[in-house]
Structures are given as structure tokens and as C-alpha cells.
Amino acid sequence: QVRLAESGGGLVQAGASLKLSCTDSGRSNSDYSMGWFHRPPGEQRDVVATIMWDTGKTYYADSRKGRFTISRDNAKDTVYLQMDNLKPEDTGVYFCVADPTPDRDGSWFVSSWGQGIEVTVSS
């Protein structure tokens, strides 16, 4: 059974918007946060944004500040990523993650990964 189920990806033109959704079917009271990672074609995955379940406190990668908005609906165990003014460099696979935690060396620890969803932005 898939714990993290993503939806909302697709093909859009530059400047358009998309909203990704992720429902956590295995969420427990000990879960702390959720987030989204992005893997551009041929590159490694990197964090996009994170949000805490209880306070709603958010974190954004610098490249996404002002264009992307992460939010959550605790009652639905669902996290969203609103992506506006999309650019071709936003193309890639987006992964929903559970409990993303930054490490001292700049890397991230994640307890669970979604299967990923494709986003393609044409110029």
C-alpha cells in the first residue's frame, strides 16, 4: 500500500500554475512534518518546501520563495504545493515526503517518500 499518494502534476507552459496534492494514509500522531522534493532531469533530488503539521511553520528553498506555497489540511492528512509562475527549470519529478529533517551538512533525512509525480514546463 502506498503511504504517500501524490496528484496534480502535468504539462504546462511557462508562467502557468499547478497545484500538487499529497495525502498521507499512514500519518500518526508522532509525525512531525511533510514536504516536497524536486528532481530535475538527470540531477539529484533537492528540497522545495516543508511544513509542520501542528504549527504550520514553513520552509522554502531560496529558488522557490515567492512562487511556491506549501499548505496543509490536517483533517484530510493532506499537504499541497501551489506552484505559480512556473519556469522550465521547474520541470522534473516532485516527491512528497514525510518528516523531512535538515542535517548539519545541508542534507535532509526523510522517513518516507512518495512515488513521485511528473511536472513538465514548456518554454
N, C-alpha and C. Protein backbone atom coordinates (compact mmCIF):
# COMPACT_ATOMS: atom_id res chain seq x y z
N GLN A 1 0.84 -1.19 0.00
CA GLN A 1 0.00 0.00 0.00
C GLN A 1 0.88 1.24 0.00
N VAL A 2 0.52 2.18 -0.83
CA VAL A 2 1.27 3.42 -0.94
C VAL A 2 0.87 4.34 0.20
N ARG A 3 1.85 4.78 0.97
CA ARG A 3 1.54 5.65 2.09
C ARG A 3 1.29 7.09 1.63
N LEU A 4 2.17 7.61 0.79
CA LEU A 4 2.08 8.99 0.33
C LEU A 4 1.63 8.99 -1.12
N ALA A 5 0.47 9.51 -1.39
CA ALA A 5 -0.11 9.50 -2.73
C ALA A 5 -0.16 10.91 -3.28
N GLU A 6 0.63 11.15 -4.34
CA GLU A 6 0.70 12.48 -4.95
C GLU A 6 -0.25 12.56 -6.14
N SER A 7 -0.70 13.78 -6.41
CA SER A 7 -1.53 14.03 -7.59
C SER A 7 -1.38 15.49 -7.99
N GLY A 8 -1.79 15.79 -9.24
CA GLY A 8 -1.83 17.17 -9.68
C GLY A 8 -0.75 17.58 -10.66
N GLY A 9 0.14 16.67 -11.02
CA GLY A 9 1.19 17.03 -11.97
C GLY A 9 0.66 17.15 -13.38
N GLY A 10 1.56 17.47 -14.31
CA GLY A 10 1.14 17.55 -15.71
C GLY A 10 2.08 18.40 -16.54
N LEU A 11 1.62 18.72 -17.74
CA LEU A 11 2.38 19.53 -18.70
C LEU A 11 1.73 20.90 -18.81
N VAL A 12 2.52 21.95 -18.58
CA VAL A 12 2.01 23.32 -18.67
C VAL A 12 3.04 24.19 -19.38
N GLN A 13 2.60 25.36 -19.78
CA GLN A 13 3.51 26.33 -20.37
C GLN A 13 4.13 27.21 -19.28
N ALA A 14 5.27 27.79 -19.60
CA ALA A 14 5.92 28.70 -18.67
C ALA A 14 4.96 29.82 -18.27
N GLY A 15 4.95 30.15 -16.98
CA GLY A 15 4.07 31.19 -16.47
C GLY A 15 2.77 30.66 -15.90
N ALA A 16 2.47 29.41 -16.18
CA ALA A 16 1.24 28.80 -15.68
C ALA A 16 1.40 28.36 -14.23
N SER A 17 0.30 27.83 -13.68
CA SER A 17 0.28 27.34 -12.30
C SER A 17 -0.16 25.89 -12.24
N LEU A 18 0.30 25.21 -11.22
CA LEU A 18 -0.14 23.85 -10.91
C LEU A 18 -0.24 23.73 -9.41
N LYS A 19 -1.13 22.84 -8.95
CA LYS A 19 -1.23 22.57 -7.52
C LYS A 19 -1.09 21.07 -7.30
N LEU A 20 -0.06 20.70 -6.58
CA LEU A 20 0.16 19.31 -6.24
C LEU A 20 -0.50 19.00 -4.89
N SER A 21 -0.97 17.78 -4.77
CA SER A 21 -1.56 17.33 -3.52
C SER A 21 -0.89 16.03 -3.09
N CYS A 22 -0.84 15.82 -1.78
CA CYS A 22 -0.27 14.59 -1.25
C CYS A 22 -1.05 14.20 0.00
N THR A 23 -1.64 13.03 -0.03
CA THR A 23 -2.36 12.51 1.13
C THR A 23 -1.55 11.42 1.79
N ASP A 24 -1.38 11.55 3.09
CA ASP A 24 -0.60 10.60 3.89
C ASP A 24 -1.56 9.62 4.55
N SER A 25 -1.66 8.42 3.99
CA SER A 25 -2.60 7.42 4.52
C SER A 25 -2.06 6.77 5.78
N GLY A 26 -0.77 6.98 6.08
CA GLY A 26 -0.18 6.34 7.24
C GLY A 26 0.22 7.31 8.33
N ARG A 27 -0.39 8.47 8.31
CA ARG A 27 0.01 9.50 9.27
C ARG A 27 -0.34 9.09 10.69
N SER A 28 0.58 9.37 11.62
CA SER A 28 0.35 9.08 13.03
C SER A 28 0.60 10.34 13.85
N ASN A 29 0.26 10.30 15.14
CA ASN A 29 0.45 11.47 15.98
C ASN A 29 1.92 11.82 16.16
N SER A 30 2.80 10.89 15.89
CA SER A 30 4.22 11.17 16.05
C SER A 30 4.83 11.83 14.82
N ASP A 31 4.06 11.89 13.73
CA ASP A 31 4.58 12.54 12.53
C ASP A 31 4.68 14.04 12.76
N TYR A 32 5.75 14.60 12.30
CA TYR A 32 6.12 15.96 12.65
C TYR A 32 5.88 16.96 11.53
N SER A 33 6.24 16.56 10.33
CA SER A 33 6.16 17.49 9.21
C SER A 33 6.01 16.76 7.89
N MET A 34 5.76 17.52 6.86
CA MET A 34 5.69 16.99 5.49
C MET A 34 6.45 17.95 4.59
N GLY A 35 6.72 17.50 3.39
CA GLY A 35 7.42 18.38 2.47
C GLY A 35 7.40 17.88 1.05
N TRP A 36 8.04 18.64 0.19
CA TRP A 36 8.16 18.30 -1.22
C TRP A 36 9.62 18.43 -1.65
N PHE A 37 10.06 17.46 -2.45
CA PHE A 37 11.39 17.49 -3.06
C PHE A 37 11.21 17.50 -4.57
N HIS A 38 12.21 17.98 -5.25
CA HIS A 38 12.19 18.08 -6.72
C HIS A 38 13.44 17.43 -7.27
N ARG A 39 13.26 16.60 -8.30
CA ARG A 39 14.39 16.00 -9.01
C ARG A 39 14.34 16.43 -10.47
N PRO A 40 15.17 17.40 -10.86
CA PRO A 40 15.23 17.79 -12.27
C PRO A 40 15.76 16.64 -13.11
N PRO A 41 15.52 16.62 -14.40
CA PRO A 41 16.04 15.55 -15.27
C PRO A 41 17.55 15.42 -15.16
N GLY A 42 18.04 14.25 -14.82
CA GLY A 42 19.46 13.99 -14.74
C GLY A 42 20.16 14.55 -13.52
N GLU A 43 19.41 15.07 -12.58
CA GLU A 43 20.02 15.66 -11.39
C GLU A 43 19.52 14.97 -10.12
N GLN A 44 20.07 15.37 -9.01
CA GLN A 44 19.66 14.79 -7.73
C GLN A 44 18.45 15.52 -7.17
N ARG A 45 17.77 14.84 -6.27
CA ARG A 45 16.63 15.44 -5.60
C ARG A 45 17.09 16.52 -4.61
N ASP A 46 16.25 17.55 -4.49
CA ASP A 46 16.56 18.60 -3.53
C ASP A 46 15.24 19.12 -2.95
N VAL A 47 15.34 19.67 -1.76
CA VAL A 47 14.14 20.11 -1.07
C VAL A 47 13.52 21.32 -1.76
N VAL A 48 12.19 21.36 -1.77
CA VAL A 48 11.45 22.50 -2.29
C VAL A 48 10.84 23.29 -1.14
N ALA A 49 10.09 22.60 -0.30
CA ALA A 49 9.41 23.25 0.81
C ALA A 49 9.01 22.21 1.84
N THR A 50 8.87 22.67 3.09
CA THR A 50 8.40 21.80 4.16
C THR A 50 7.39 22.55 5.02
N ILE A 51 6.57 21.80 5.74
CA ILE A 51 5.58 22.41 6.62
C ILE A 51 5.37 21.51 7.82
N MET A 52 5.20 22.13 8.99
CA MET A 52 4.96 21.38 10.21
C MET A 52 3.46 21.16 10.39
N TRP A 53 3.10 19.94 10.78
CA TRP A 53 1.69 19.62 10.92
C TRP A 53 1.02 20.49 11.99
N ASP A 54 1.69 20.70 13.13
CA ASP A 54 0.99 21.34 14.24
C ASP A 54 0.94 22.86 14.11
N THR A 55 2.08 23.49 13.82
CA THR A 55 2.11 24.95 13.80
C THR A 55 1.90 25.54 12.41
N GLY A 56 2.12 24.74 11.38
CA GLY A 56 2.05 25.26 10.02
C GLY A 56 3.28 26.04 9.60
N LYS A 57 4.32 26.01 10.42
CA LYS A 57 5.56 26.72 10.08
C LYS A 57 6.13 26.13 8.80
N THR A 58 6.59 27.01 7.92
CA THR A 58 7.06 26.56 6.62
C THR A 58 8.53 26.88 6.39
N TYR A 59 9.11 26.15 5.46
CA TYR A 59 10.47 26.39 4.99
C TYR A 59 10.43 26.29 3.47
N TYR A 60 11.15 27.21 2.81
CA TYR A 60 11.23 27.18 1.35
C TYR A 60 12.68 27.26 0.90
N ALA A 61 12.99 26.51 -0.14
CA ALA A 61 14.27 26.70 -0.80
C ALA A 61 14.27 28.09 -1.44
N ASP A 62 15.41 28.73 -1.45
CA ASP A 62 15.50 30.11 -1.94
C ASP A 62 14.94 30.25 -3.36
N SER A 63 15.17 29.26 -4.19
CA SER A 63 14.75 29.35 -5.59
C SER A 63 13.23 29.31 -5.76
N ARG A 64 12.53 28.91 -4.71
CA ARG A 64 11.07 28.80 -4.80
C ARG A 64 10.33 29.87 -4.02
N LYS A 65 11.03 30.65 -3.22
CA LYS A 65 10.37 31.67 -2.43
C LYS A 65 9.65 32.66 -3.32
N GLY A 66 8.40 32.95 -2.97
CA GLY A 66 7.61 33.91 -3.74
C GLY A 66 6.82 33.30 -4.88
N ARG A 67 7.17 32.09 -5.29
CA ARG A 67 6.44 31.44 -6.39
C ARG A 67 5.66 30.21 -5.93
N PHE A 68 6.20 29.50 -4.94
CA PHE A 68 5.58 28.28 -4.45
C PHE A 68 5.02 28.51 -3.04
N THR A 69 3.90 27.85 -2.76
CA THR A 69 3.29 27.93 -1.44
C THR A 69 2.91 26.54 -0.97
N ILE A 70 3.42 26.15 0.19
CA ILE A 70 3.05 24.87 0.77
C ILE A 70 2.00 25.11 1.84
N SER A 71 1.02 24.21 1.90
CA SER A 71 -0.04 24.33 2.91
C SER A 71 -0.49 22.93 3.30
N ARG A 72 -1.28 22.85 4.37
CA ARG A 72 -1.74 21.53 4.78
C ARG A 72 -3.17 21.60 5.29
N ASP A 73 -3.84 20.46 5.19
CA ASP A 73 -5.19 20.29 5.73
C ASP A 73 -5.10 19.11 6.69
N ASN A 74 -5.00 19.42 7.98
CA ASN A 74 -4.79 18.37 8.97
C ASN A 74 -5.94 17.37 8.99
N ALA A 75 -7.14 17.84 8.79
CA ALA A 75 -8.30 16.95 8.83
C ALA A 75 -8.27 15.92 7.71
N LYS A 76 -7.64 16.28 6.60
CA LYS A 76 -7.57 15.39 5.44
C LYS A 76 -6.22 14.70 5.32
N ASP A 77 -5.30 14.98 6.26
CA ASP A 77 -3.94 14.42 6.20
C ASP A 77 -3.31 14.70 4.84
N THR A 78 -3.53 15.90 4.36
CA THR A 78 -3.11 16.25 3.01
C THR A 78 -2.26 17.51 3.01
N VAL A 79 -1.23 17.50 2.22
CA VAL A 79 -0.35 18.64 2.03
C VAL A 79 -0.42 19.06 0.57
N TYR A 80 -0.35 20.36 0.35
CA TYR A 80 -0.46 20.91 -1.00
C TYR A 80 0.79 21.71 -1.35
N LEU A 81 1.07 21.79 -2.64
CA LEU A 81 2.13 22.67 -3.13
C LEU A 81 1.56 23.45 -4.30
N GLN A 82 1.27 24.72 -4.05
CA GLN A 82 0.80 25.61 -5.10
C GLN A 82 2.01 26.19 -5.80
N MET A 83 2.10 25.94 -7.09
CA MET A 83 3.25 26.39 -7.87
C MET A 83 2.77 27.42 -8.90
N ASP A 84 3.21 28.64 -8.75
CA ASP A 84 2.82 29.74 -9.65
C ASP A 84 4.01 30.21 -10.48
N ASN A 85 3.69 30.85 -11.60
CA ASN A 85 4.73 31.38 -12.48
C ASN A 85 5.81 30.32 -12.75
N LEU A 86 5.36 29.17 -13.18
CA LEU A 86 6.27 28.07 -13.41
C LEU A 86 7.28 28.38 -14.50
N LYS A 87 8.49 27.87 -14.31
CA LYS A 87 9.59 28.06 -15.25
C LYS A 87 10.05 26.71 -15.79
N PRO A 88 10.69 26.71 -16.94
CA PRO A 88 11.18 25.42 -17.48
C PRO A 88 12.08 24.68 -16.50
N GLU A 89 12.84 25.40 -15.69
CA GLU A 89 13.73 24.74 -14.73
C GLU A 89 12.97 24.08 -13.58
N ASP A 90 11.67 24.31 -13.50
CA ASP A 90 10.85 23.62 -12.51
C ASP A 90 10.45 22.22 -12.99
N THR A 91 10.77 21.91 -14.21
CA THR A 91 10.47 20.59 -14.77
C THR A 91 11.17 19.49 -13.98
N GLY A 92 10.48 18.37 -13.83
CA GLY A 92 11.07 17.23 -13.15
C GLY A 92 10.04 16.43 -12.40
N VAL A 93 10.52 15.60 -11.51
CA VAL A 93 9.65 14.78 -10.67
C VAL A 93 9.59 15.39 -9.27
N TYR A 94 8.38 15.53 -8.78
CA TYR A 94 8.17 16.07 -7.44
C TYR A 94 7.76 14.94 -6.51
N PHE A 95 8.43 14.88 -5.37
CA PHE A 95 8.20 13.83 -4.40
C PHE A 95 7.63 14.42 -3.12
N CYS A 96 6.57 13.82 -2.65
CA CYS A 96 6.03 14.13 -1.34
C CYS A 96 6.81 13.32 -0.31
N VAL A 97 7.15 13.95 0.81
CA VAL A 97 7.95 13.25 1.83
C VAL A 97 7.36 13.47 3.21
N ALA A 98 7.61 12.51 4.08
CA ALA A 98 7.18 12.62 5.47
C ALA A 98 8.37 12.90 6.37
N ASP A 99 8.17 13.79 7.30
CA ASP A 99 9.17 14.16 8.31
C ASP A 99 10.53 14.53 7.72
N PRO A 100 10.58 15.48 6.80
CA PRO A 100 11.88 15.95 6.33
C PRO A 100 12.59 16.72 7.44
N THR A 101 13.85 16.34 7.69
CA THR A 101 14.62 16.96 8.77
C THR A 101 15.99 17.35 8.23
N PRO A 102 16.37 18.61 8.36
CA PRO A 102 17.68 19.02 7.84
C PRO A 102 18.81 18.51 8.72
N ASP A 103 19.88 18.11 8.07
CA ASP A 103 21.08 17.67 8.79
C ASP A 103 22.10 18.81 8.79
N ARG A 104 23.13 18.67 9.57
CA ARG A 104 24.12 19.75 9.71
C ARG A 104 24.89 20.02 8.42
N ASP A 105 25.02 18.99 7.57
CA ASP A 105 25.81 19.15 6.35
C ASP A 105 24.96 19.66 5.18
N GLY A 106 23.73 20.04 5.45
CA GLY A 106 22.87 20.56 4.39
C GLY A 106 22.00 19.52 3.74
N SER A 107 22.22 18.26 4.08
CA SER A 107 21.38 17.19 3.53
C SER A 107 20.11 17.10 4.37
N TRP A 108 19.19 16.23 3.88
CA TRP A 108 17.90 16.07 4.56
C TRP A 108 17.64 14.60 4.86
N PHE A 109 17.12 14.32 6.03
CA PHE A 109 16.64 12.99 6.36
C PHE A 109 15.14 12.97 6.16
N VAL A 110 14.64 11.89 5.55
CA VAL A 110 13.22 11.75 5.26
C VAL A 110 12.77 10.37 5.71
N SER A 111 11.63 10.28 6.38
CA SER A 111 11.17 8.98 6.87
C SER A 111 10.43 8.18 5.80
N SER A 112 9.73 8.85 4.90
CA SER A 112 9.01 8.15 3.82
C SER A 112 8.98 9.02 2.57
N TRP A 113 9.03 8.35 1.44
CA TRP A 113 8.97 9.04 0.14
C TRP A 113 7.73 8.60 -0.62
N GLY A 114 7.11 9.55 -1.31
CA GLY A 114 6.08 9.19 -2.27
C GLY A 114 6.73 8.66 -3.54
N GLN A 115 5.91 8.17 -4.45
CA GLN A 115 6.43 7.61 -5.69
C GLN A 115 6.87 8.68 -6.68
N GLY A 116 6.42 9.89 -6.48
CA GLY A 116 6.80 10.98 -7.36
C GLY A 116 5.77 11.24 -8.43
N ILE A 117 5.71 12.50 -8.86
CA ILE A 117 4.77 12.90 -9.91
C ILE A 117 5.47 13.86 -10.86
N GLU A 118 5.21 13.68 -12.14
CA GLU A 118 5.89 14.45 -13.18
C GLU A 118 5.27 15.83 -13.37
N VAL A 119 6.16 16.81 -13.49
CA VAL A 119 5.75 18.17 -13.87
C VAL A 119 6.66 18.59 -15.02
N THR A 120 6.05 19.02 -16.11
CA THR A 120 6.82 19.48 -17.27
C THR A 120 6.36 20.88 -17.63
N VAL A 121 7.33 21.80 -17.69
CA VAL A 121 7.04 23.19 -18.02
C VAL A 121 7.73 23.50 -19.34
N SER A 122 6.93 23.79 -20.34
CA SER A 122 7.49 24.10 -21.66
C SER A 122 7.71 25.61 -21.79
N SER A 123 8.72 25.96 -22.57
CA SER A 123 9.06 27.38 -22.74
C SER A 123 8.29 28.00 -23.89
